[in-house]
Amino acid sequence: MSVPTSAVKVRPRVWIGLAIWLSYAVVVFVVQQLSGVPYTEFGRDGGTLFLGAGLSLIVGAALLAITTSLLGWWRPALFDRAHSVRWPIFVPAIMVVALLINLAATDWGSYDAAFFGASLVLLLVGFTEEMATRGLLLVGLRSRLHEGWVWFLSSALFALMHLTNAITGQELGLTLTQVGMAFLGGTVFYILRRTTGTLIWAMVLHGLWDFSTFAVGHGEPGPLAALGGTVNLIAGLLGLAVVAFVIRGAKERVTS
């Protein structure tokens, strides 16, 4: 099925999706730079976490909400007209297991009220990064490209956003590993969108995943900490193996 342009205010174009992706990445980078907190210090305490990460997410969320409203893209950004086959949902389910392992390995005793409050703001990353990539960018890409390219480009551009972490203090090698893991993670979130027919569950999982990764990295993590990352890697690799099944038969292009 296709979404008629009468359902949107501005007809989707690939360049509009790319412009939104780039603008979001630039805004987040600039706000984080102005905070003066290096990426490697984000999780030190509640103040650095809020200024380094939380503030940019609040600004990004507000701008994305305004942009989506002006374009009239809420529905195609959040909902597919038809979901794919359901069975590949086992891949994001494995990511949920990794998330729960992270939470089980977290040193909750190291938390104080400020760090917990700043951690809750991190949940906004589920809305911002998903709306920017597998939401608005995806809508733009779907205006002209085959769904296979939509998956690949939305996942690749999501991954490339993490390159800025090397500029803000993280080692290049670690950043490149993070970029690769982000591509796999983006594939998992894409599968969740296609199998459920909505971006909302991907937003929820994405937000909780980032919350769990900062949580397990705070204080003294338990012995299961490394296992969470391994299980997440398995989910991503399995996602690559089955993503073709959720791409097959997709007819989500916005028509004229």
Protein backbone atom coordinates (compact mmCIF):
# COMPACT_ATOMS: atom_id res chain seq x y z
CA MET A 1 0.00 0.00 0.00
CA SER A 2 0.99 3.62 -0.42
CA VAL A 3 0.36 6.69 1.67
CA PRO A 4 -1.32 9.44 -0.44
CA THR A 5 0.24 12.88 -0.31
CA SER A 6 -3.15 14.28 0.70
CA ALA A 7 -2.38 12.81 4.14
CA VAL A 8 0.67 15.07 4.55
CA LYS A 9 1.25 18.82 4.33
CA VAL A 10 4.57 18.65 2.51
CA ARG A 11 5.22 15.96 -0.08
CA PRO A 12 8.08 13.72 1.10
CA ARG A 13 11.38 14.00 -0.74
CA VAL A 14 14.67 12.22 -0.18
CA TRP A 15 16.49 15.54 0.28
CA ILE A 16 14.07 16.61 3.02
CA GLY A 17 14.74 13.41 4.98
CA LEU A 18 18.49 13.85 4.58
CA ALA A 19 18.31 17.52 5.60
CA ILE A 20 16.42 16.60 8.77
CA TRP A 21 18.94 13.86 9.62
CA LEU A 22 21.89 16.21 9.11
CA SER A 23 20.25 19.08 10.99
CA TYR A 24 19.47 16.86 13.95
CA ALA A 25 23.04 15.54 14.07
CA VAL A 26 24.45 19.08 13.90
CA VAL A 27 22.11 20.44 16.60
CA VAL A 28 22.97 17.61 19.00
CA PHE A 29 26.70 18.03 18.32
CA VAL A 30 26.61 21.80 18.84
CA VAL A 31 24.59 21.63 22.06
CA GLN A 32 26.90 18.95 23.43
CA GLN A 33 29.95 21.02 22.51
CA LEU A 34 28.51 24.09 24.19
CA SER A 35 27.98 22.06 27.36
CA GLY A 36 31.75 21.63 27.67
CA VAL A 37 31.36 18.01 28.81
CA PRO A 38 33.48 15.46 26.88
CA TYR A 39 31.64 12.35 25.72
CA THR A 40 33.79 10.17 27.98
CA GLU A 41 32.54 12.15 31.03
CA PHE A 42 28.81 11.90 30.28
CA GLY A 43 28.17 9.24 32.91
CA ARG A 44 30.36 10.64 35.70
CA ASP A 45 27.48 12.15 37.69
CA GLY A 46 24.00 13.55 37.26
CA GLY A 47 25.19 17.01 36.25
CA THR A 48 27.52 15.87 33.47
CA LEU A 49 24.95 13.37 32.20
CA PHE A 50 22.24 16.03 31.95
CA LEU A 51 24.45 18.73 30.42
CA GLY A 52 26.38 16.37 28.15
CA ALA A 53 23.50 14.26 26.86
CA GLY A 54 20.14 15.20 28.33
CA LEU A 55 20.06 18.85 27.28
CA SER A 56 20.78 18.05 23.62
CA LEU A 57 17.99 15.45 23.66
CA ILE A 58 15.48 17.96 25.03
CA VAL A 59 16.39 20.51 22.34
CA GLY A 60 16.39 17.84 19.63
CA ALA A 61 13.02 16.44 20.71
CA ALA A 62 11.39 19.87 20.62
CA LEU A 63 12.78 20.70 17.17
CA LEU A 64 11.81 17.31 15.73
CA ALA A 65 8.26 17.64 17.07
CA ILE A 66 7.92 21.08 15.50
CA THR A 67 9.39 19.89 12.19
CA THR A 68 7.14 16.83 12.04
CA SER A 69 4.08 18.98 12.70
CA LEU A 70 5.01 21.52 10.03
CA LEU A 71 5.53 18.74 7.48
CA GLY A 72 2.44 16.83 8.55
CA TRP A 73 4.49 13.61 8.63
CA TRP A 74 3.41 12.24 12.01
CA ARG A 75 1.41 9.32 10.64
CA PRO A 76 3.87 8.02 8.01
CA ALA A 77 6.77 8.57 10.42
CA LEU A 78 5.14 6.60 13.22
CA PHE A 79 3.07 4.00 11.37
CA ASP A 80 3.46 1.66 8.40
CA ARG A 81 0.36 0.89 6.38
CA ALA A 82 0.94 -2.84 6.84
CA HIS A 83 3.29 -4.82 9.05
CA SER A 84 5.67 -7.45 7.71
CA VAL A 85 5.74 -11.11 8.70
CA ARG A 86 5.79 -11.33 12.48
CA TRP A 87 8.30 -14.04 13.28
CA PRO A 88 11.52 -11.91 12.96
CA ILE A 89 10.38 -10.07 16.10
CA PHE A 90 12.47 -12.64 17.99
CA VAL A 91 15.48 -10.46 17.09
CA PRO A 92 14.43 -7.38 19.10
CA ALA A 93 13.24 -9.80 21.80
CA ILE A 94 16.86 -10.94 22.16
CA MET A 95 17.86 -7.29 22.53
CA VAL A 96 15.34 -7.02 25.37
CA VAL A 97 17.15 -9.92 27.06
CA ALA A 98 20.45 -8.02 26.69
CA LEU A 99 18.80 -4.95 28.19
CA LEU A 100 17.56 -6.92 31.20
CA ILE A 101 21.05 -8.37 31.70
CA ASN A 102 22.46 -4.83 31.77
CA LEU A 103 19.92 -3.78 34.38
CA ALA A 104 20.65 -6.89 36.47
CA ALA A 105 24.38 -6.09 36.37
CA THR A 106 23.91 -2.41 37.33
CA ASP A 107 25.31 -1.13 40.61
CA TRP A 108 22.09 0.54 41.75
CA GLY A 109 23.71 1.46 45.06
CA SER A 110 25.92 3.95 43.21
CA TYR A 111 22.88 5.95 42.07
CA ASP A 112 21.80 9.20 43.66
CA ALA A 113 18.68 11.25 42.90
CA ALA A 114 20.49 13.56 40.45
CA PHE A 115 21.97 10.73 38.38
CA PHE A 116 18.69 8.84 38.33
CA GLY A 117 16.81 11.96 37.18
CA ALA A 118 19.36 12.64 34.42
CA SER A 119 19.17 8.98 33.40
CA LEU A 120 15.42 9.28 32.91
CA VAL A 121 16.01 12.15 30.48
CA LEU A 122 18.05 9.69 28.41
CA LEU A 123 14.82 7.91 27.55
CA LEU A 124 14.20 10.80 25.13
CA VAL A 125 16.86 9.32 22.87
CA GLY A 126 14.29 6.75 21.83
CA PHE A 127 12.07 9.49 20.44
CA THR A 128 14.77 11.74 18.98
CA GLU A 129 17.08 9.28 17.22
CA GLU A 130 14.25 7.05 16.03
CA MET A 131 12.18 9.98 14.73
CA ALA A 132 15.21 11.49 12.99
CA THR A 133 16.27 8.23 11.27
CA ARG A 134 13.64 5.48 11.17
CA GLY A 135 10.93 8.14 11.22
CA LEU A 136 11.41 11.29 9.15
CA LEU A 137 14.48 10.14 7.21
CA LEU A 138 12.71 6.87 6.42
CA VAL A 139 9.65 8.77 5.10
CA GLY A 140 11.89 10.82 2.83
CA LEU A 141 13.76 7.77 1.56
CA ARG A 142 10.53 5.91 0.90
CA SER A 143 9.41 8.62 -1.48
CA ARG A 144 11.73 7.22 -4.18
CA LEU A 145 13.80 4.26 -3.01
CA HIS A 146 13.20 0.52 -2.72
CA GLU A 147 12.64 -0.65 0.85
CA GLY A 148 15.98 -2.46 0.88
CA TRP A 149 17.76 0.87 0.41
CA VAL A 150 15.47 2.44 3.00
CA TRP A 151 16.64 -0.09 5.59
CA PHE A 152 20.31 0.16 4.64
CA LEU A 153 20.55 3.95 4.40
CA SER A 154 18.48 4.69 7.50
CA SER A 155 20.59 2.22 9.51
CA ALA A 156 23.89 3.45 8.04
CA LEU A 157 23.12 7.13 8.62
CA PHE A 158 21.97 6.34 12.14
CA ALA A 159 25.31 4.64 12.72
CA LEU A 160 27.31 7.50 11.20
CA MET A 161 25.77 9.98 13.66
CA HIS A 162 27.92 8.33 16.33
CA LEU A 163 31.15 9.37 14.58
CA THR A 164 30.93 12.73 16.34
CA ASN A 165 31.77 10.95 19.60
CA ALA A 166 35.38 10.77 18.37
CA ILE A 167 35.41 14.57 18.11
CA THR A 168 34.01 14.97 21.61
CA GLY A 169 36.60 12.86 23.41
CA GLN A 170 36.15 9.16 22.63
CA GLU A 171 38.99 7.13 21.08
CA LEU A 172 38.59 6.63 17.32
CA GLY A 173 38.86 2.85 17.48
CA LEU A 174 36.16 2.62 20.13
CA THR A 175 34.01 5.04 18.14
CA LEU A 176 34.29 2.94 14.97
CA THR A 177 33.24 -0.11 16.97
CA GLN A 178 30.30 1.90 18.27
CA VAL A 179 29.37 2.89 14.70
CA GLY A 180 29.33 -0.77 13.66
CA MET A 181 27.20 -1.74 16.67
CA ALA A 182 24.86 1.16 15.93
CA PHE A 183 24.30 -0.17 12.40
CA LEU A 184 23.38 -3.55 13.85
CA GLY A 185 21.18 -1.90 16.46
CA GLY A 186 19.51 0.21 13.78
CA THR A 187 18.71 -2.98 11.90
CA VAL A 188 17.09 -4.44 15.02
CA PHE A 189 14.96 -1.30 15.48
CA TYR A 190 13.98 -1.37 11.79
CA ILE A 191 12.87 -5.00 12.17
CA LEU A 192 10.79 -4.01 15.20
CA ARG A 193 9.11 -1.26 13.20
CA ARG A 194 8.27 -3.57 10.31
CA THR A 195 7.06 -6.50 12.42
CA THR A 196 4.80 -4.33 14.59
CA GLY A 197 3.85 -1.78 11.94
CA THR A 198 4.80 1.15 14.16
CA LEU A 199 7.91 3.09 15.20
CA ILE A 200 6.62 3.50 18.75
CA TRP A 201 7.92 0.17 20.05
CA ALA A 202 11.35 0.88 18.51
CA MET A 203 11.35 4.23 20.35
CA VAL A 204 10.60 2.46 23.62
CA LEU A 205 13.25 -0.22 23.14
CA HIS A 206 15.86 2.30 21.97
CA GLY A 207 15.28 4.57 24.96
CA LEU A 208 15.44 1.70 27.45
CA TRP A 209 18.55 0.25 25.78
CA ASP A 210 20.49 3.51 26.11
CA PHE A 211 19.25 3.88 29.69
CA SER A 212 20.58 0.39 30.46
CA THR A 213 23.98 1.01 28.88
CA PHE A 214 24.58 4.15 30.93
CA ALA A 215 23.21 2.38 34.02
CA VAL A 216 25.53 -0.60 33.78
CA GLY A 217 28.49 1.70 33.15
CA HIS A 218 27.92 3.64 36.38
CA GLY A 219 29.56 2.49 39.60
CA GLU A 220 30.88 -1.08 39.83
CA PRO A 221 29.00 -3.32 37.36
CA GLY A 222 28.23 -6.89 38.30
CA PRO A 223 29.75 -10.03 36.71
CA LEU A 224 27.02 -10.22 34.04
CA ALA A 225 27.93 -6.83 32.55
CA ALA A 226 29.94 -8.22 29.61
CA LEU A 227 27.21 -10.74 28.80
CA GLY A 228 24.72 -8.01 27.95
CA GLY A 229 26.95 -6.65 25.19
CA THR A 230 27.53 -10.14 23.80
CA VAL A 231 23.81 -10.93 23.66
CA ASN A 232 23.18 -7.57 21.97
CA LEU A 233 25.82 -8.38 19.33
CA ILE A 234 24.09 -11.71 18.67
CA ALA A 235 20.78 -9.88 18.21
CA GLY A 236 22.36 -7.53 15.68
CA LEU A 237 23.98 -10.30 13.66
CA LEU A 238 20.74 -12.27 13.59
CA GLY A 239 19.03 -9.08 12.48
CA LEU A 240 21.26 -8.94 9.41
CA ALA A 241 20.38 -12.55 8.68
CA VAL A 242 16.61 -12.03 8.72
CA VAL A 243 16.09 -8.39 7.71
CA ALA A 244 15.31 -9.42 4.11
CA PHE A 245 12.15 -11.13 5.34
CA VAL A 246 10.71 -7.89 6.74
CA ILE A 247 11.74 -5.93 3.62
CA ARG A 248 10.07 -8.38 1.26
CA GLY A 249 6.73 -7.16 -0.05
CA ALA A 250 6.86 -3.77 1.68
CA LYS A 251 4.79 -1.16 -0.18
CA GLU A 252 5.06 1.96 1.94
CA ARG A 253 5.97 4.58 -0.65
CA VAL A 254 4.20 7.94 -0.44
CA THR A 255 2.56 8.57 -3.81
CA SER A 256 1.77 11.77 -5.71
